[in-house]
Amino acid sequence: MELHEIIIISVGAVLLVASIVVAILRYEKKRRMELEEFARYQGFSFQRKGNPIQNYGKIKIFDKGHRKKISNRVYGSRSGIQFEILDYQFTEGGGQNSATRRQTVAVATVPGMNLPAFYLAPENVFHRIGKKFGMQDINFDHFPDFSAYYLLKGEDEPAIRKVFKASVLEFFQGNKLKQSLEGQGDYLVFYRMNKREKGETLPEFFEKFRHIVSLINRKP
């Protein structure tokens, strides 16, 4: 290969990388502006870079991986409940085997809720294989569609069954959500692993979460 050909290929490669970087920066700027606009619409505050992860106890999403980062944090309160919506990322593995997971995570802090630790997610093939080897799945006889679609687990099964009262089960059974829900103590956390919500879907995402929080927090 001639020298001039090597130079042309090298310059082309540099320009390609530069164009990809510029496109990513433009996308991230657009995303940040969309979340700022969402915060203003909700009457919430916006923070470009979030604080370090708090101690959320046994919340799985915050206990995974390393190199954890928060950005585009939207936060505010409604009826005494603190809400946060954030872009959250973490890295699993290392070197060539590492993978960075990016997702939109919604957090509600409800003083005095005192939830048992639980994890709810749509069942996938790995869950089905795991159940064949004894992995826990809390089912409800009167809500067979809920039990068929979701995996629900946690150490204190009697307490978890009290959280998932009929109104909560009816909502999840009727909607078949793609997101996961976790709870412990005063926290409820809502997300879809490795999925960042687009600006136009954020209002629906937040309203679903608010409704879930109100159902779980509602007294019998």
Protein backbone atom coordinates (compact mmCIF):
# COMPACT_ATOMS: atom_id res chain seq x y z
CA MET A 1 0.00 0.00 0.00
CA GLU A 2 1.36 3.42 -0.98
CA LEU A 3 2.07 6.10 1.64
CA HIS A 4 -0.58 8.44 0.25
CA GLU A 5 -3.17 5.65 0.47
CA ILE A 6 -2.27 5.03 4.12
CA ILE A 7 -2.61 8.75 4.83
CA ILE A 8 -6.02 8.93 3.12
CA ILE A 9 -7.30 5.90 5.07
CA SER A 10 -5.96 7.30 8.36
CA VAL A 11 -7.53 10.71 7.78
CA GLY A 12 -10.81 9.04 6.85
CA ALA A 13 -10.77 6.97 10.03
CA VAL A 14 -10.10 10.07 12.16
CA LEU A 15 -12.92 11.97 10.47
CA LEU A 16 -15.29 9.04 10.99
CA VAL A 17 -14.48 8.85 14.71
CA ALA A 18 -14.81 12.62 15.02
CA SER A 19 -18.23 12.58 13.33
CA ILE A 20 -19.42 9.82 15.70
CA VAL A 21 -18.24 11.81 18.74
CA VAL A 22 -19.98 14.95 17.47
CA ALA A 23 -23.20 13.01 16.87
CA ILE A 24 -23.10 11.57 20.41
CA LEU A 25 -22.47 14.99 21.94
CA ARG A 26 -25.38 16.48 19.98
CA TYR A 27 -27.67 13.65 21.06
CA GLU A 28 -26.70 14.02 24.72
CA LYS A 29 -27.25 17.80 24.56
CA LYS A 30 -30.69 17.27 23.02
CA ARG A 31 -31.51 14.70 25.69
CA ARG A 32 -30.41 17.03 28.47
CA MET A 33 -32.62 19.81 27.07
CA GLU A 34 -35.60 17.41 26.90
CA LEU A 35 -35.17 16.43 30.55
CA GLU A 36 -34.80 20.07 31.58
CA GLU A 37 -38.04 20.84 29.78
CA PHE A 38 -39.74 17.88 31.46
CA ALA A 39 -38.55 19.14 34.86
CA ARG A 40 -39.95 22.61 34.18
CA TYR A 41 -43.28 21.15 33.06
CA GLN A 42 -43.55 19.09 36.26
CA GLY A 43 -42.48 22.01 38.45
CA PHE A 44 -39.38 20.05 39.47
CA SER A 45 -35.70 20.96 39.66
CA PHE A 46 -32.98 19.80 37.28
CA GLN A 47 -29.39 18.86 38.01
CA ARG A 48 -27.02 18.05 35.15
CA LYS A 49 -24.79 15.81 37.28
CA GLY A 50 -26.25 13.91 40.20
CA ASN A 51 -24.86 13.18 43.63
CA PRO A 52 -23.21 9.83 44.42
CA ILE A 53 -25.57 6.89 44.88
CA GLN A 54 -27.26 6.94 48.27
CA ASN A 55 -27.58 3.94 50.54
CA TYR A 56 -30.70 2.34 49.10
CA GLY A 57 -30.22 -0.90 51.03
CA LYS A 58 -31.09 -4.00 49.00
CA ILE A 59 -32.22 -2.21 45.85
CA LYS A 60 -30.61 -4.41 43.19
CA ILE A 61 -30.17 -1.82 40.44
CA PHE A 62 -27.98 0.33 42.69
CA ASP A 63 -25.97 -2.63 43.96
CA LYS A 64 -24.80 -3.82 40.54
CA GLY A 65 -21.43 -3.22 38.92
CA HIS A 66 -18.97 -0.36 39.36
CA ARG A 67 -18.15 3.07 37.87
CA LYS A 68 -21.64 4.23 38.79
CA LYS A 69 -22.77 7.61 37.47
CA ILE A 70 -25.88 9.76 37.70
CA SER A 71 -26.74 12.51 35.22
CA ASN A 72 -29.76 14.53 34.14
CA ARG A 73 -31.37 14.34 37.57
CA VAL A 74 -34.96 15.59 37.81
CA TYR A 75 -36.29 15.90 41.36
CA GLY A 76 -39.16 17.33 43.33
CA SER A 77 -42.04 16.44 45.64
CA ARG A 78 -45.74 15.68 45.28
CA SER A 79 -48.02 15.28 48.30
CA GLY A 80 -45.09 14.70 50.66
CA ILE A 81 -43.45 12.12 48.39
CA GLN A 82 -39.97 12.84 47.01
CA PHE A 83 -39.50 11.84 43.36
CA GLU A 84 -36.31 11.53 41.36
CA ILE A 85 -35.84 10.62 37.71
CA LEU A 86 -32.27 10.11 36.61
CA ASP A 87 -30.04 8.74 33.90
CA TYR A 88 -28.09 6.07 35.73
CA GLN A 89 -25.22 3.99 34.40
CA PHE A 90 -22.89 1.36 35.74
CA THR A 91 -20.32 -1.02 34.30
CA GLU A 92 -20.24 -4.79 34.71
CA GLY A 93 -17.11 -6.85 34.19
CA GLY A 94 -13.75 -5.49 33.13
CA GLY A 95 -11.47 -5.05 30.15
CA GLN A 96 -12.75 -6.48 26.87
CA ASN A 97 -15.54 -8.25 28.77
CA SER A 98 -16.97 -5.09 30.31
CA ALA A 99 -20.44 -3.76 29.47
CA THR A 100 -21.92 -0.41 30.47
CA ARG A 101 -25.64 -0.37 31.30
CA ARG A 102 -27.55 2.88 30.85
CA GLN A 103 -31.15 3.33 31.98
CA THR A 104 -33.68 5.82 33.22
CA VAL A 105 -34.44 5.18 36.89
CA ALA A 106 -37.32 6.68 38.86
CA VAL A 107 -37.10 6.73 42.66
CA ALA A 108 -39.86 7.57 45.15
CA THR A 109 -39.11 8.19 48.81
CA VAL A 110 -42.24 7.80 50.93
CA PRO A 111 -41.63 8.48 54.63
CA GLY A 112 -42.97 5.71 56.86
CA MET A 113 -43.84 3.28 54.05
CA ASN A 114 -41.55 0.58 55.51
CA LEU A 115 -41.67 -1.89 52.61
CA PRO A 116 -40.14 -5.38 52.70
CA ALA A 117 -37.35 -5.82 50.14
CA PHE A 118 -38.81 -7.13 46.88
CA TYR A 119 -37.99 -7.35 43.18
CA LEU A 120 -40.62 -7.48 40.41
CA ALA A 121 -39.80 -7.87 36.72
CA PRO A 122 -41.31 -9.30 33.53
CA GLU A 123 -40.28 -12.94 33.29
CA ASN A 124 -37.57 -13.76 30.75
CA VAL A 125 -35.96 -16.97 29.59
CA PHE A 126 -33.30 -16.81 32.33
CA HIS A 127 -35.97 -16.50 35.00
CA ARG A 128 -37.80 -19.52 33.58
CA ILE A 129 -34.62 -21.57 33.61
CA GLY A 130 -33.86 -20.39 37.14
CA LYS A 131 -37.29 -21.43 38.38
CA LYS A 132 -36.61 -24.97 37.16
CA PHE A 133 -33.70 -24.99 39.60
CA GLY A 134 -35.69 -23.63 42.50
CA MET A 135 -35.51 -19.85 42.05
CA GLN A 136 -38.24 -18.13 44.04
CA ASP A 137 -41.34 -16.73 42.31
CA ILE A 138 -44.25 -15.50 44.43
CA ASN A 139 -47.52 -16.33 42.66
CA PHE A 140 -51.16 -15.40 43.30
CA ASP A 141 -53.86 -17.97 42.56
CA HIS A 142 -56.56 -15.38 41.86
CA PHE A 143 -54.33 -13.44 39.43
CA PRO A 144 -52.95 -16.10 37.07
CA ASP A 145 -52.02 -13.64 34.31
CA PHE A 146 -49.94 -11.62 36.77
CA SER A 147 -48.15 -14.75 37.95
CA ALA A 148 -47.53 -15.93 34.38
CA TYR A 149 -46.09 -12.59 33.20
CA TYR A 150 -44.06 -11.38 36.20
CA LEU A 151 -41.35 -12.72 38.46
CA LEU A 152 -41.77 -11.54 42.06
CA LYS A 153 -39.34 -12.41 44.81
CA GLY A 154 -38.03 -11.32 48.20
CA GLU A 155 -37.08 -12.78 51.57
CA ASP A 156 -40.23 -11.88 53.51
CA GLU A 157 -42.95 -13.47 51.38
CA PRO A 158 -45.88 -12.85 53.82
CA ALA A 159 -45.02 -9.13 54.00
CA ILE A 160 -44.61 -8.91 50.22
CA ARG A 161 -48.04 -10.48 49.70
CA LYS A 162 -49.52 -7.70 51.83
CA VAL A 163 -47.87 -5.08 49.56
CA PHE A 164 -49.32 -6.73 46.45
CA LYS A 165 -52.95 -6.34 47.38
CA ALA A 166 -55.74 -6.75 44.82
CA SER A 167 -55.59 -3.18 43.43
CA VAL A 168 -51.83 -3.46 42.81
CA LEU A 169 -52.15 -6.89 41.20
CA GLU A 170 -55.01 -5.70 38.99
CA PHE A 171 -52.94 -2.79 37.70
CA PHE A 172 -49.89 -4.89 36.86
CA GLN A 173 -51.96 -7.71 35.40
CA GLY A 174 -53.86 -5.29 33.19
CA ASN A 175 -50.83 -3.38 31.92
CA LYS A 176 -48.06 -6.00 31.47
CA LEU A 177 -45.27 -3.49 31.98
CA LYS A 178 -41.79 -3.93 30.57
CA GLN A 179 -40.21 -2.13 33.53
CA SER A 180 -38.97 -3.62 36.79
CA LEU A 181 -40.07 -2.43 40.22
CA GLU A 182 -38.07 -2.69 43.43
CA GLY A 183 -38.94 -1.72 46.96
CA GLN A 184 -37.41 -1.59 50.40
CA GLY A 185 -38.09 0.57 53.43
CA ASP A 186 -39.20 4.01 52.26
CA TYR A 187 -38.06 3.49 48.65
CA LEU A 188 -39.74 2.41 45.44
CA VAL A 189 -37.60 2.22 42.29
CA PHE A 190 -38.89 1.84 38.71
CA TYR A 191 -36.77 1.21 35.59
CA ARG A 192 -36.20 -0.86 32.47
CA MET A 193 -32.72 -2.34 32.45
CA ASN A 194 -30.44 -0.87 29.77
CA LYS A 195 -33.20 1.41 28.45
CA ARG A 196 -33.22 5.20 28.65
CA GLU A 197 -36.64 6.76 28.25
CA LYS A 198 -36.95 9.21 25.37
CA GLY A 199 -38.11 12.73 26.07
CA GLU A 200 -41.53 12.09 24.57
CA THR A 201 -42.11 8.96 26.69
CA LEU A 202 -40.99 10.47 30.02
CA PRO A 203 -44.43 11.86 31.01
CA GLU A 204 -46.08 8.44 30.54
CA PHE A 205 -43.20 6.70 32.35
CA PHE A 206 -43.51 9.10 35.30
CA GLU A 207 -47.31 8.91 35.48
CA LYS A 208 -47.21 5.11 35.54
CA PHE A 209 -44.73 5.24 38.39
CA ARG A 210 -46.75 7.81 40.33
CA HIS A 211 -49.83 5.62 40.00
CA ILE A 212 -47.92 2.56 41.22
CA VAL A 213 -46.60 4.51 44.21
CA SER A 214 -50.11 5.70 45.10
CA LEU A 215 -51.54 2.16 44.84
CA ILE A 216 -48.83 0.65 47.05
CA ASN A 217 -48.94 3.51 49.54
CA ARG A 218 -52.75 3.49 49.77
CA LYS A 219 -54.05 2.16 53.06
CA PRO A 220 -56.39 -0.86 52.88
